[in-house]
Amino acid sequence: MIQLFKNIIFLGSFILFFILISFFYFSEENIRKINKSRLFLLTKEENNYDLPVLSSDTDNIIIYSNEVENYRKKKKKYNFFDLIKKQSDE
């Protein structure tokens, strides 16, 4: 019986949540605010054309090294797979 009341309360709160959200989202006040912010962003973008373009000063900053090649050269060679090949050949 308690489980039934819990389920009803959870379902009711879930439905109430979506109803309240939809009323707020589709309200006239919210639609006016959305249109106002969109209009502000559109007018703001028009003023960005006067910005100067800065030149890049990041040329030749990265120094590449061959650490992977050095690691491969220094790496100890294991003969485990050679032992397996020798046993399979016999």
C-alpha atoms as a PDB file:
ATOM      1  CA  MET A   1       0.000   0.000   0.000  1.00  0.00           C
ATOM      2  CA  ILE A   2       2.840   2.372   0.858  1.00  0.00           C
ATOM      3  CA  GLN A   3       4.562   1.451  -2.414  1.00  0.00           C
ATOM      4  CA  LEU A   4       1.412   2.459  -4.301  1.00  0.00           C
ATOM      5  CA  PHE A   5       1.377   5.892  -2.625  1.00  0.00           C
ATOM      6  CA  LYS A   6       5.074   6.334  -3.395  1.00  0.00           C
ATOM      7  CA  ASN A   7       4.491   5.522  -7.053  1.00  0.00           C
ATOM      8  CA  ILE A   8       1.536   7.900  -7.264  1.00  0.00           C
ATOM      9  CA  ILE A   9       3.548  10.721  -5.661  1.00  0.00           C
ATOM     10  CA  PHE A  10       6.524  10.128  -7.978  1.00  0.00           C
ATOM     11  CA  LEU A  11       4.337   9.958 -11.072  1.00  0.00           C
ATOM     12  CA  GLY A  12       2.372  13.023 -10.000  1.00  0.00           C
ATOM     13  CA  SER A  13       5.525  15.053  -9.348  1.00  0.00           C
ATOM     14  CA  PHE A  14       6.945  13.941 -12.696  1.00  0.00           C
ATOM     15  CA  ILE A  15       3.812  15.031 -14.568  1.00  0.00           C
ATOM     16  CA  LEU A  16       3.572  18.274 -12.554  1.00  0.00           C
ATOM     17  CA  PHE A  17       7.212  19.054 -13.372  1.00  0.00           C
ATOM     18  CA  PHE A  18       6.646  18.760 -17.125  1.00  0.00           C
ATOM     19  CA  ILE A  19       3.403  20.721 -16.989  1.00  0.00           C
ATOM     20  CA  LEU A  20       5.036  23.613 -15.118  1.00  0.00           C
ATOM     21  CA  ILE A  21       8.060  23.595 -17.428  1.00  0.00           C
ATOM     22  CA  SER A  22       5.859  23.645 -20.531  1.00  0.00           C
ATOM     23  CA  PHE A  23       3.728  26.513 -19.168  1.00  0.00           C
ATOM     24  CA  PHE A  24       6.849  28.539 -18.437  1.00  0.00           C
ATOM     25  CA  TYR A  25       8.501  27.740 -21.761  1.00  0.00           C
ATOM     26  CA  PHE A  26       5.466  28.668 -23.863  1.00  0.00           C
ATOM     27  CA  SER A  27       4.493  31.733 -21.820  1.00  0.00           C
ATOM     28  CA  GLU A  28       4.360  35.128 -23.528  1.00  0.00           C
ATOM     29  CA  GLU A  29       6.911  36.616 -21.134  1.00  0.00           C
ATOM     30  CA  ASN A  30       9.471  33.925 -21.908  1.00  0.00           C
ATOM     31  CA  ILE A  31       8.887  34.225 -25.670  1.00  0.00           C
ATOM     32  CA  ARG A  32       9.458  37.999 -25.419  1.00  0.00           C
ATOM     33  CA  LYS A  33      12.690  37.446 -23.491  1.00  0.00           C
ATOM     34  CA  ILE A  34      13.939  34.927 -26.063  1.00  0.00           C
ATOM     35  CA  ASN A  35      13.157  37.260 -28.973  1.00  0.00           C
ATOM     36  CA  LYS A  36      14.809  40.166 -27.172  1.00  0.00           C
ATOM     37  CA  SER A  37      18.026  38.211 -26.543  1.00  0.00           C
ATOM     38  CA  ARG A  38      18.104  36.952 -30.145  1.00  0.00           C
ATOM     39  CA  LEU A  39      17.696  40.487 -31.437  1.00  0.00           C
ATOM     40  CA  PHE A  40      20.479  41.673 -29.140  1.00  0.00           C
ATOM     41  CA  LEU A  41      22.811  38.948 -30.426  1.00  0.00           C
ATOM     42  CA  LEU A  42      22.019  39.785 -34.042  1.00  0.00           C
ATOM     43  CA  THR A  43      22.825  43.457 -33.538  1.00  0.00           C
ATOM     44  CA  LYS A  44      25.936  42.594 -31.549  1.00  0.00           C
ATOM     45  CA  GLU A  45      27.342  40.428 -34.375  1.00  0.00           C
ATOM     46  CA  GLU A  46      27.193  43.311 -36.832  1.00  0.00           C
ATOM     47  CA  ASN A  47      29.729  45.275 -34.786  1.00  0.00           C
ATOM     48  CA  ASN A  48      32.341  42.516 -34.944  1.00  0.00           C
ATOM     49  CA  TYR A  49      33.404  43.381 -38.496  1.00  0.00           C
ATOM     50  CA  ASP A  50      35.616  46.253 -37.319  1.00  0.00           C
ATOM     51  CA  LEU A  51      37.907  44.056 -35.221  1.00  0.00           C
ATOM     52  CA  PRO A  52      41.567  43.923 -36.314  1.00  0.00           C
ATOM     53  CA  VAL A  53      43.133  40.615 -37.294  1.00  0.00           C
ATOM     54  CA  LEU A  54      46.185  39.804 -35.209  1.00  0.00           C
ATOM     55  CA  SER A  55      49.223  38.148 -36.747  1.00  0.00           C
ATOM     56  CA  SER A  56      50.383  34.794 -35.450  1.00  0.00           C
ATOM     57  CA  ASP A  57      53.502  34.764 -33.300  1.00  0.00           C
ATOM     58  CA  THR A  58      53.582  31.022 -32.642  1.00  0.00           C
ATOM     59  CA  ASP A  59      55.823  29.913 -35.507  1.00  0.00           C
ATOM     60  CA  ASN A  60      58.586  27.394 -34.718  1.00  0.00           C
ATOM     61  CA  ILE A  61      57.680  27.020 -31.064  1.00  0.00           C
ATOM     62  CA  ILE A  62      57.271  23.238 -31.001  1.00  0.00           C
ATOM     63  CA  ILE A  63      60.510  21.269 -30.980  1.00  0.00           C
ATOM     64  CA  TYR A  64      60.033  17.763 -32.291  1.00  0.00           C
ATOM     65  CA  SER A  65      62.174  14.965 -30.930  1.00  0.00           C
ATOM     66  CA  ASN A  66      62.659  11.306 -31.794  1.00  0.00           C
ATOM     67  CA  GLU A  67      61.982   9.922 -28.343  1.00  0.00           C
ATOM     68  CA  VAL A  68      59.961   7.032 -29.730  1.00  0.00           C
ATOM     69  CA  GLU A  69      62.812   5.984 -32.015  1.00  0.00           C
ATOM     70  CA  ASN A  70      65.295   6.308 -29.167  1.00  0.00           C
ATOM     71  CA  TYR A  71      63.066   4.151 -26.973  1.00  0.00           C
ATOM     72  CA  ARG A  72      62.789   1.470 -29.641  1.00  0.00           C
ATOM     73  CA  LYS A  73      66.555   1.363 -30.068  1.00  0.00           C
ATOM     74  CA  LYS A  74      67.208   1.086 -26.323  1.00  0.00           C
ATOM     75  CA  LYS A  75      64.412  -1.395 -25.685  1.00  0.00           C
ATOM     76  CA  LYS A  76      65.555  -4.839 -24.649  1.00  0.00           C
ATOM     77  CA  LYS A  77      64.703  -7.525 -27.166  1.00  0.00           C
ATOM     78  CA  TYR A  78      62.748 -10.379 -25.668  1.00  0.00           C
ATOM     79  CA  ASN A  79      63.141 -13.858 -27.100  1.00  0.00           C
ATOM     80  CA  PHE A  80      59.824 -15.225 -25.900  1.00  0.00           C
ATOM     81  CA  PHE A  81      58.241 -15.372 -29.354  1.00  0.00           C
ATOM     82  CA  ASP A  82      61.396 -16.945 -30.782  1.00  0.00           C
ATOM     83  CA  LEU A  83      61.067 -19.758 -28.239  1.00  0.00           C
ATOM     84  CA  ILE A  84      57.475 -20.353 -29.291  1.00  0.00           C
ATOM     85  CA  LYS A  85      58.496 -20.490 -32.950  1.00  0.00           C
ATOM     86  CA  LYS A  86      61.240 -22.999 -32.183  1.00  0.00           C
ATOM     87  CA  GLN A  87      58.843 -25.280 -30.336  1.00  0.00           C
ATOM     88  CA  SER A  88      56.234 -25.134 -33.089  1.00  0.00           C
ATOM     89  CA  ASP A  89      58.873 -25.943 -35.728  1.00  0.00           C
ATOM     90  CA  GLU A  90      59.908 -29.156 -33.964  1.00  0.00           C
END
